[in-house]
Amino acid sequence: MEGFILAAGYGTRLRPLTNDRPKALVEVCGKTLLQHAIEKLQAAGIDHLVVNVHHFADMVVDFVRSRQWQCTIDISDESAQLLDTGGGLKHAAHLFSGRENVLVHNVDVFSCIDLQDVESAHRRDGNLVTLCVSRRETKRYLEFSADGSLVGRAAEGLAFSGVSVVSPELFAMLPAADHPYPIIDEYIRLGHNHRIGCYLHSADHWLDVGKPDTLEKAKQWIHFSNR
């Protein structure tokens, strides 16, 4: 399994911390969000990562190159145009081997999700895409059928956790990366003919570190998990 860390966003919810740095380089307990994410994926056995960049792109590139990692890391450069989650994934496609599943992970997500178990479920269920989801409050719910296949958006349902596994066949099915587009809309479209499945996890084991108040929660999270 290979990995893709979505780290190109502006991080507007973290201002003023992101006025002079990208969201990926905001620190929690002495480590950047990007380092936390890289180490999480490395611990899952991933030895090849791609990180996309846009906002303060050079700072992210310099950070990645300044350290010795246990995996190889390629940069998907979106400096010219921020491509959103869908366009960003398509833009990075050529950097992957095309033979392995890809774990897609938001840089601002902390979780206890067993990433290897997610891929095992992905393979077992024969999914094109497997979305990690939980039962929690969100502004954007997803609806799944009784057999766990994505149906579409809903007024209530399950919340996407910013972590997923995609099969290499997905890349050829996505629109060209010449414009930004969200990936969930593409998954809903592809779900008519392909299995877009879900992996249900506990909301208690997940945290979106995208706002200043959740940075404090992240510090408590790390302290508790290291006990």
C-alpha atoms as a PDB file:
ATOM      1  CA  MET A   1       0.000   0.000   0.000  1.00  0.00           C
ATOM      2  CA  GLU A   2       1.164   3.503  -0.868  1.00  0.00           C
ATOM      3  CA  GLY A   3       0.037   6.758   0.748  1.00  0.00           C
ATOM      4  CA  PHE A   4      -1.200  10.219  -0.235  1.00  0.00           C
ATOM      5  CA  ILE A   5      -1.301  13.038   2.328  1.00  0.00           C
ATOM      6  CA  LEU A   6      -3.561  15.957   1.452  1.00  0.00           C
ATOM      7  CA  ALA A   7      -1.544  18.938   2.678  1.00  0.00           C
ATOM      8  CA  ALA A   8      -2.182  21.659   0.095  1.00  0.00           C
ATOM      9  CA  GLY A   9      -5.051  23.576   1.732  1.00  0.00           C
ATOM     10  CA  TYR A  10      -4.942  27.151   3.003  1.00  0.00           C
ATOM     11  CA  GLY A  11      -5.833  26.225   6.565  1.00  0.00           C
ATOM     12  CA  THR A  12      -8.154  29.212   6.923  1.00  0.00           C
ATOM     13  CA  ARG A  13      -9.760  27.756  10.056  1.00  0.00           C
ATOM     14  CA  LEU A  14      -6.360  27.832  11.778  1.00  0.00           C
ATOM     15  CA  ARG A  15      -5.670  31.528  11.233  1.00  0.00           C
ATOM     16  CA  PRO A  16      -3.705  33.405  12.472  1.00  0.00           C
ATOM     17  CA  LEU A  17      -1.367  30.399  12.800  1.00  0.00           C
ATOM     18  CA  THR A  18      -1.474  29.896   9.025  1.00  0.00           C
ATOM     19  CA  ASN A  19      -0.773  33.512   8.130  1.00  0.00           C
ATOM     20  CA  ASP A  20       2.938  32.724   7.829  1.00  0.00           C
ATOM     21  CA  ARG A  21       3.020  28.965   7.344  1.00  0.00           C
ATOM     22  CA  PRO A  22       0.983  26.175   5.754  1.00  0.00           C
ATOM     23  CA  LYS A  23      -1.470  24.178   7.847  1.00  0.00           C
ATOM     24  CA  ALA A  24       0.767  21.140   7.403  1.00  0.00           C
ATOM     25  CA  LEU A  25       3.547  22.850   9.397  1.00  0.00           C
ATOM     26  CA  VAL A  26       1.455  23.921  12.374  1.00  0.00           C
ATOM     27  CA  GLU A  27       2.903  22.136  15.407  1.00  0.00           C
ATOM     28  CA  VAL A  28       1.309  19.947  18.058  1.00  0.00           C
ATOM     29  CA  CYS A  29       3.563  18.771  20.909  1.00  0.00           C
ATOM     30  CA  GLY A  30       6.732  19.718  19.051  1.00  0.00           C
ATOM     31  CA  LYS A  31       5.840  17.995  15.782  1.00  0.00           C
ATOM     32  CA  THR A  32       4.150  19.406  12.700  1.00  0.00           C
ATOM     33  CA  LEU A  33       0.811  18.013  11.567  1.00  0.00           C
ATOM     34  CA  LEU A  34       2.631  16.695   8.512  1.00  0.00           C
ATOM     35  CA  GLN A  35       5.164  14.808  10.628  1.00  0.00           C
ATOM     36  CA  HIS A  36       2.378  13.274  12.716  1.00  0.00           C
ATOM     37  CA  ALA A  37       0.643  12.125   9.518  1.00  0.00           C
ATOM     38  CA  ILE A  38       3.813  10.763   7.923  1.00  0.00           C
ATOM     39  CA  GLU A  39       4.678   8.794  11.049  1.00  0.00           C
ATOM     40  CA  LYS A  40       1.138   7.413  11.256  1.00  0.00           C
ATOM     41  CA  LEU A  41       1.367   6.106   7.698  1.00  0.00           C
ATOM     42  CA  GLN A  42       4.900   4.809   8.166  1.00  0.00           C
ATOM     43  CA  ALA A  43       3.720   2.847  11.215  1.00  0.00           C
ATOM     44  CA  ALA A  44       1.121   1.201   8.968  1.00  0.00           C
ATOM     45  CA  GLY A  45       3.926  -0.163   6.796  1.00  0.00           C
ATOM     46  CA  ILE A  46       3.684   2.376   3.976  1.00  0.00           C
ATOM     47  CA  ASP A  47       7.085   2.919   2.358  1.00  0.00           C
ATOM     48  CA  HIS A  48       6.110   5.348  -0.407  1.00  0.00           C
ATOM     49  CA  LEU A  49       4.200   8.576   0.198  1.00  0.00           C
ATOM     50  CA  VAL A  50       3.052  11.482  -1.949  1.00  0.00           C
ATOM     51  CA  VAL A  51       2.354  14.866  -0.344  1.00  0.00           C
ATOM     52  CA  ASN A  52       0.530  17.577  -2.265  1.00  0.00           C
ATOM     53  CA  VAL A  53       1.463  21.237  -1.774  1.00  0.00           C
ATOM     54  CA  HIS A  54       0.088  24.673  -2.645  1.00  0.00           C
ATOM     55  CA  HIS A  55      -0.089  27.183   0.236  1.00  0.00           C
ATOM     56  CA  PHE A  56       3.519  28.046   1.227  1.00  0.00           C
ATOM     57  CA  ALA A  57       4.542  25.110  -0.962  1.00  0.00           C
ATOM     58  CA  ASP A  58       8.289  25.764  -0.682  1.00  0.00           C
ATOM     59  CA  MET A  59       8.116  25.561   3.099  1.00  0.00           C
ATOM     60  CA  VAL A  60       6.534  22.108   2.946  1.00  0.00           C
ATOM     61  CA  VAL A  61       9.068  20.895   0.367  1.00  0.00           C
ATOM     62  CA  ASP A  62      11.956  22.193   2.473  1.00  0.00           C
ATOM     63  CA  PHE A  63      10.548  20.493   5.573  1.00  0.00           C
ATOM     64  CA  VAL A  64      10.184  17.133   3.812  1.00  0.00           C
ATOM     65  CA  ARG A  65      13.691  17.314   2.358  1.00  0.00           C
ATOM     66  CA  SER A  66      15.290  18.415   5.637  1.00  0.00           C
ATOM     67  CA  ARG A  67      14.541  15.152   7.422  1.00  0.00           C
ATOM     68  CA  GLN A  68      15.351  11.484   7.119  1.00  0.00           C
ATOM     69  CA  TRP A  69      12.160   9.460   6.770  1.00  0.00           C
ATOM     70  CA  GLN A  70      11.583   5.721   6.851  1.00  0.00           C
ATOM     71  CA  CYS A  71       9.792   5.986   3.510  1.00  0.00           C
ATOM     72  CA  THR A  72      10.337   7.725   0.186  1.00  0.00           C
ATOM     73  CA  ILE A  73       8.287  10.913  -0.253  1.00  0.00           C
ATOM     74  CA  ASP A  74       7.358  12.552  -3.550  1.00  0.00           C
ATOM     75  CA  ILE A  75       5.796  15.985  -3.898  1.00  0.00           C
ATOM     76  CA  SER A  76       2.698  16.652  -6.006  1.00  0.00           C
ATOM     77  CA  ASP A  77       3.036  20.348  -6.826  1.00  0.00           C
ATOM     78  CA  GLU A  78      -0.206  22.329  -7.045  1.00  0.00           C
ATOM     79  CA  SER A  79       1.497  25.710  -6.770  1.00  0.00           C
ATOM     80  CA  ALA A  80      -0.102  26.925  -9.995  1.00  0.00           C
ATOM     81  CA  GLN A  81      -3.639  25.998  -8.919  1.00  0.00           C
ATOM     82  CA  LEU A  82      -5.191  24.423  -5.839  1.00  0.00           C
ATOM     83  CA  LEU A  83      -7.081  21.419  -7.202  1.00  0.00           C
ATOM     84  CA  ASP A  84      -9.316  20.385  -4.272  1.00  0.00           C
ATOM     85  CA  THR A  85      -9.433  16.767  -3.112  1.00  0.00           C
ATOM     86  CA  GLY A  86     -10.478  15.233  -6.433  1.00  0.00           C
ATOM     87  CA  GLY A  87      -8.268  17.210  -8.766  1.00  0.00           C
ATOM     88  CA  GLY A  88      -5.405  16.826  -6.305  1.00  0.00           C
ATOM     89  CA  LEU A  89      -5.701  13.038  -6.301  1.00  0.00           C
ATOM     90  CA  LYS A  90      -5.840  12.890 -10.083  1.00  0.00           C
ATOM     91  CA  HIS A  91      -2.883  15.287 -10.405  1.00  0.00           C
ATOM     92  CA  ALA A  92      -0.788  13.012  -8.195  1.00  0.00           C
ATOM     93  CA  ALA A  93      -1.724   9.799 -10.034  1.00  0.00           C
ATOM     94  CA  HIS A  94       1.481   9.573 -12.075  1.00  0.00           C
ATOM     95  CA  LEU A  95       3.568   9.508  -8.889  1.00  0.00           C
ATOM     96  CA  PHE A  96       2.102   6.184  -7.750  1.00  0.00           C
ATOM     97  CA  SER A  97       3.144   2.755  -8.992  1.00  0.00           C
ATOM     98  CA  GLY A  98      -0.295   1.893 -10.370  1.00  0.00           C
ATOM     99  CA  ARG A  99      -0.012  -1.544  -8.796  1.00  0.00           C
ATOM    100  CA  GLU A 100      -0.881  -0.930  -5.142  1.00  0.00           C
ATOM    101  CA  ASN A 101      -3.802   0.482  -3.209  1.00  0.00           C
ATOM    102  CA  VAL A 102      -3.359   4.063  -2.004  1.00  0.00           C
ATOM    103  CA  LEU A 103      -4.202   5.251   1.507  1.00  0.00           C
ATOM    104  CA  VAL A 104      -5.484   8.850   1.263  1.00  0.00           C
ATOM    105  CA  HIS A 105      -5.153  10.812   4.519  1.00  0.00           C
ATOM    106  CA  ASN A 106      -5.931  14.427   5.405  1.00  0.00           C
ATOM    107  CA  VAL A 107      -2.973  16.123   7.077  1.00  0.00           C
ATOM    108  CA  ASP A 108      -5.150  17.531   9.872  1.00  0.00           C
ATOM    109  CA  VAL A 109      -6.682  14.232  11.007  1.00  0.00           C
ATOM    110  CA  PHE A 110      -5.593  12.427  14.177  1.00  0.00           C
ATOM    111  CA  SER A 111      -7.062   8.991  14.747  1.00  0.00           C
ATOM    112  CA  CYS A 112      -6.610   5.527  16.200  1.00  0.00           C
ATOM    113  CA  ILE A 113      -7.956   3.968  13.002  1.00  0.00           C
ATOM    114  CA  ASP A 114      -6.084   0.775  12.148  1.00  0.00           C
ATOM    115  CA  LEU A 115      -4.984   1.662   8.609  1.00  0.00           C
ATOM    116  CA  GLN A 116      -3.851  -1.864   7.798  1.00  0.00           C
ATOM    117  CA  ASP A 117      -7.259  -3.168   8.826  1.00  0.00           C
ATOM    118  CA  VAL A 118      -8.911  -0.609   6.539  1.00  0.00           C
ATOM    119  CA  GLU A 119      -6.953  -1.946   3.581  1.00  0.00           C
ATOM    120  CA  SER A 120      -7.752  -5.523   4.573  1.00  0.00           C
ATOM    121  CA  ALA A 121     -11.461  -4.635   4.567  1.00  0.00           C
ATOM    122  CA  HIS A 122     -10.999  -2.862   1.237  1.00  0.00           C
ATOM    123  CA  ARG A 123      -9.532  -6.005  -0.327  1.00  0.00           C
ATOM    124  CA  ARG A 124     -12.018  -8.357   1.316  1.00  0.00           C
ATOM    125  CA  ASP A 125     -15.054  -6.381   0.131  1.00  0.00           C
ATOM    126  CA  GLY A 126     -13.712  -5.828  -3.390  1.00  0.00           C
ATOM    127  CA  ASN A 127     -14.169  -2.061  -3.132  1.00  0.00           C
ATOM    128  CA  LEU A 128     -12.988   0.505  -5.624  1.00  0.00           C
ATOM    129  CA  VAL A 129     -12.855   2.945  -2.705  1.00  0.00           C
ATOM    130  CA  THR A 130     -13.270   2.444   1.031  1.00  0.00           C
ATOM    131  CA  LEU A 131     -14.256   5.497   3.084  1.00  0.00           C
ATOM    132  CA  CYS A 132     -13.591   5.629   6.823  1.00  0.00           C
ATOM    133  CA  VAL A 133     -16.747   6.944   8.494  1.00  0.00           C
ATOM    134  CA  SER A 134     -18.221   7.369  11.949  1.00  0.00           C
ATOM    135  CA  ARG A 135     -21.439   8.441  13.661  1.00  0.00           C
ATOM    136  CA  ARG A 136     -20.853  12.038  14.697  1.00  0.00           C
ATOM    137  CA  GLU A 137     -22.170  15.515  13.973  1.00  0.00           C
ATOM    138  CA  THR A 138     -21.173  17.047  10.644  1.00  0.00           C
ATOM    139  CA  LYS A 139     -22.523  19.441   8.053  1.00  0.00           C
ATOM    140  CA  ARG A 140     -22.055  16.848   5.304  1.00  0.00           C
ATOM    141  CA  TYR A 141     -23.555  13.417   5.899  1.00  0.00           C
ATOM    142  CA  LEU A 142     -23.218  10.440   3.582  1.00  0.00           C
ATOM    143  CA  GLU A 143     -25.799   7.704   3.086  1.00  0.00           C
ATOM    144  CA  PHE A 144     -24.832   4.052   2.644  1.00  0.00           C
ATOM    145  CA  SER A 145     -27.017   1.103   1.692  1.00  0.00           C
ATOM    146  CA  ALA A 146     -27.613  -1.894   3.963  1.00  0.00           C
ATOM    147  CA  ASP A 147     -24.604  -3.648   2.416  1.00  0.00           C
ATOM    148  CA  GLY A 148     -22.323  -0.650   3.070  1.00  0.00           C
ATOM    149  CA  SER A 149     -22.251   0.855  -0.431  1.00  0.00           C
ATOM    150  CA  LEU A 150     -22.261   4.635  -0.902  1.00  0.00           C
ATOM    151  CA  VAL A 151     -25.628   5.949  -2.069  1.00  0.00           C
ATOM    152  CA  GLY A 152     -25.137   9.716  -1.897  1.00  0.00           C
ATOM    153  CA  ARG A 153     -25.410  12.697   0.414  1.00  0.00           C
ATOM    154  CA  ALA A 154     -28.066  12.827   3.092  1.00  0.00           C
ATOM    155  CA  ALA A 155     -29.596  15.011   5.796  1.00  0.00           C
ATOM    156  CA  GLU A 156     -28.387  12.453   8.327  1.00  0.00           C
ATOM    157  CA  GLY A 157     -26.186   9.407   8.197  1.00  0.00           C
ATOM    158  CA  LEU A 158     -22.442   8.837   8.529  1.00  0.00           C
ATOM    159  CA  ALA A 159     -19.621  11.377   8.512  1.00  0.00           C
ATOM    160  CA  PHE A 160     -16.527  10.923   6.338  1.00  0.00           C
ATOM    161  CA  SER A 161     -13.336  10.923   8.395  1.00  0.00           C
ATOM    162  CA  GLY A 162     -10.800  12.202   5.850  1.00  0.00           C
ATOM    163  CA  VAL A 163      -9.174   8.765   5.550  1.00  0.00           C
ATOM    164  CA  SER A 164      -9.769   6.339   2.694  1.00  0.00           C
ATOM    165  CA  VAL A 165      -8.230   3.573   0.615  1.00  0.00           C
ATOM    166  CA  VAL A 166      -8.497   3.689  -3.171  1.00  0.00           C
ATOM    167  CA  SER A 167      -7.687   1.023  -5.729  1.00  0.00           C
ATOM    168  CA  PRO A 168      -5.233   2.007  -8.482  1.00  0.00           C
ATOM    169  CA  GLU A 169      -7.989   1.555 -11.092  1.00  0.00           C
ATOM    170  CA  LEU A 170      -9.697   4.667  -9.700  1.00  0.00           C
ATOM    171  CA  PHE A 171      -7.234   7.121 -11.213  1.00  0.00           C
ATOM    172  CA  ALA A 172      -8.252   6.425 -14.818  1.00  0.00           C
ATOM    173  CA  MET A 173     -11.895   6.978 -13.885  1.00  0.00           C
ATOM    174  CA  LEU A 174     -11.409  10.500 -12.518  1.00  0.00           C
ATOM    175  CA  PRO A 175     -11.800  13.658 -14.647  1.00  0.00           C
ATOM    176  CA  ALA A 176      -8.699  15.486 -15.826  1.00  0.00           C
ATOM    177  CA  ALA A 177      -6.866  17.542 -13.206  1.00  0.00           C
ATOM    178  CA  ASP A 178      -7.181  20.771 -15.205  1.00  0.00           C
ATOM    179  CA  HIS A 179      -9.667  22.188 -12.694  1.00  0.00           C
ATOM    180  CA  PRO A 180     -10.440  21.774  -8.978  1.00  0.00           C
ATOM    181  CA  TYR A 181     -13.195  19.392  -7.931  1.00  0.00           C
ATOM    182  CA  PRO A 182     -14.178  17.536  -4.734  1.00  0.00           C
ATOM    183  CA  ILE A 183     -13.562  13.805  -4.624  1.00  0.00           C
ATOM    184  CA  ILE A 184     -16.776  12.839  -2.818  1.00  0.00           C
ATOM    185  CA  ASP A 185     -18.882  13.966  -5.781  1.00  0.00           C
ATOM    186  CA  GLU A 186     -16.856  11.635  -7.993  1.00  0.00           C
ATOM    187  CA  TYR A 187     -17.319   8.752  -5.580  1.00  0.00           C
ATOM    188  CA  ILE A 188     -21.077   9.282  -5.649  1.00  0.00           C
ATOM    189  CA  ARG A 189     -20.984   9.271  -9.459  1.00  0.00           C
ATOM    190  CA  LEU A 190     -18.813   6.161  -9.630  1.00  0.00           C
ATOM    191  CA  GLY A 191     -20.948   4.421  -7.023  1.00  0.00           C
ATOM    192  CA  HIS A 192     -23.616   3.744  -9.640  1.00  0.00           C
ATOM    193  CA  ASN A 193     -21.373   1.162 -11.311  1.00  0.00           C
ATOM    194  CA  HIS A 194     -18.641   0.405  -8.772  1.00  0.00           C
ATOM    195  CA  ARG A 195     -18.569  -0.479  -5.097  1.00  0.00           C
ATOM    196  CA  ILE A 196     -17.683   2.516  -2.924  1.00  0.00           C
ATOM    197  CA  GLY A 197     -17.706   0.979   0.529  1.00  0.00           C
ATOM    198  CA  CYS A 198     -17.329   2.174   4.088  1.00  0.00           C
ATOM    199  CA  TYR A 199     -15.259   1.307   7.148  1.00  0.00           C
ATOM    200  CA  LEU A 200     -17.069   2.232  10.342  1.00  0.00           C
ATOM    201  CA  HIS A 201     -14.944   3.326  13.292  1.00  0.00           C
ATOM    202  CA  SER A 202     -15.603   4.969  16.651  1.00  0.00           C
ATOM    203  CA  ALA A 203     -15.913   8.762  16.643  1.00  0.00           C
ATOM    204  CA  ASP A 204     -14.167   8.714  20.022  1.00  0.00           C
ATOM    205  CA  HIS A 205     -10.992   7.613  18.258  1.00  0.00           C
ATOM    206  CA  TRP A 206     -10.881  10.472  15.742  1.00  0.00           C
ATOM    207  CA  LEU A 207     -10.073  14.206  15.795  1.00  0.00           C
ATOM    208  CA  ASP A 208     -10.093  16.915  13.126  1.00  0.00           C
ATOM    209  CA  VAL A 209      -7.218  19.222  14.060  1.00  0.00           C
ATOM    210  CA  GLY A 210      -8.350  22.007  11.752  1.00  0.00           C
ATOM    211  CA  LYS A 211      -9.258  24.696  14.299  1.00  0.00           C
ATOM    212  CA  PRO A 212      -7.343  26.387  17.156  1.00  0.00           C
ATOM    213  CA  ASP A 213      -9.529  24.819  19.852  1.00  0.00           C
ATOM    214  CA  THR A 214      -8.934  21.327  18.488  1.00  0.00           C
ATOM    215  CA  LEU A 215      -5.182  21.880  18.638  1.00  0.00           C
ATOM    216  CA  GLU A 216      -5.531  21.843  22.409  1.00  0.00           C
ATOM    217  CA  LYS A 217      -7.562  18.639  22.202  1.00  0.00           C
ATOM    218  CA  ALA A 218      -4.809  17.161  20.028  1.00  0.00           C
ATOM    219  CA  LYS A 219      -2.234  17.825  22.746  1.00  0.00           C
ATOM    220  CA  GLN A 220      -4.387  15.941  25.246  1.00  0.00           C
ATOM    221  CA  TRP A 221      -4.885  13.177  22.663  1.00  0.00           C
ATOM    222  CA  ILE A 222      -1.147  12.712  22.188  1.00  0.00           C
ATOM    223  CA  HIS A 223      -0.481  12.788  25.924  1.00  0.00           C
ATOM    224  CA  PHE A 224      -3.138  10.116  26.523  1.00  0.00           C
ATOM    225  CA  SER A 225      -2.010   7.880  23.624  1.00  0.00           C
ATOM    226  CA  ASN A 226       1.621   7.983  24.825  1.00  0.00           C
ATOM    227  CA  ARG A 227       0.791   6.905  28.381  1.00  0.00           C
END
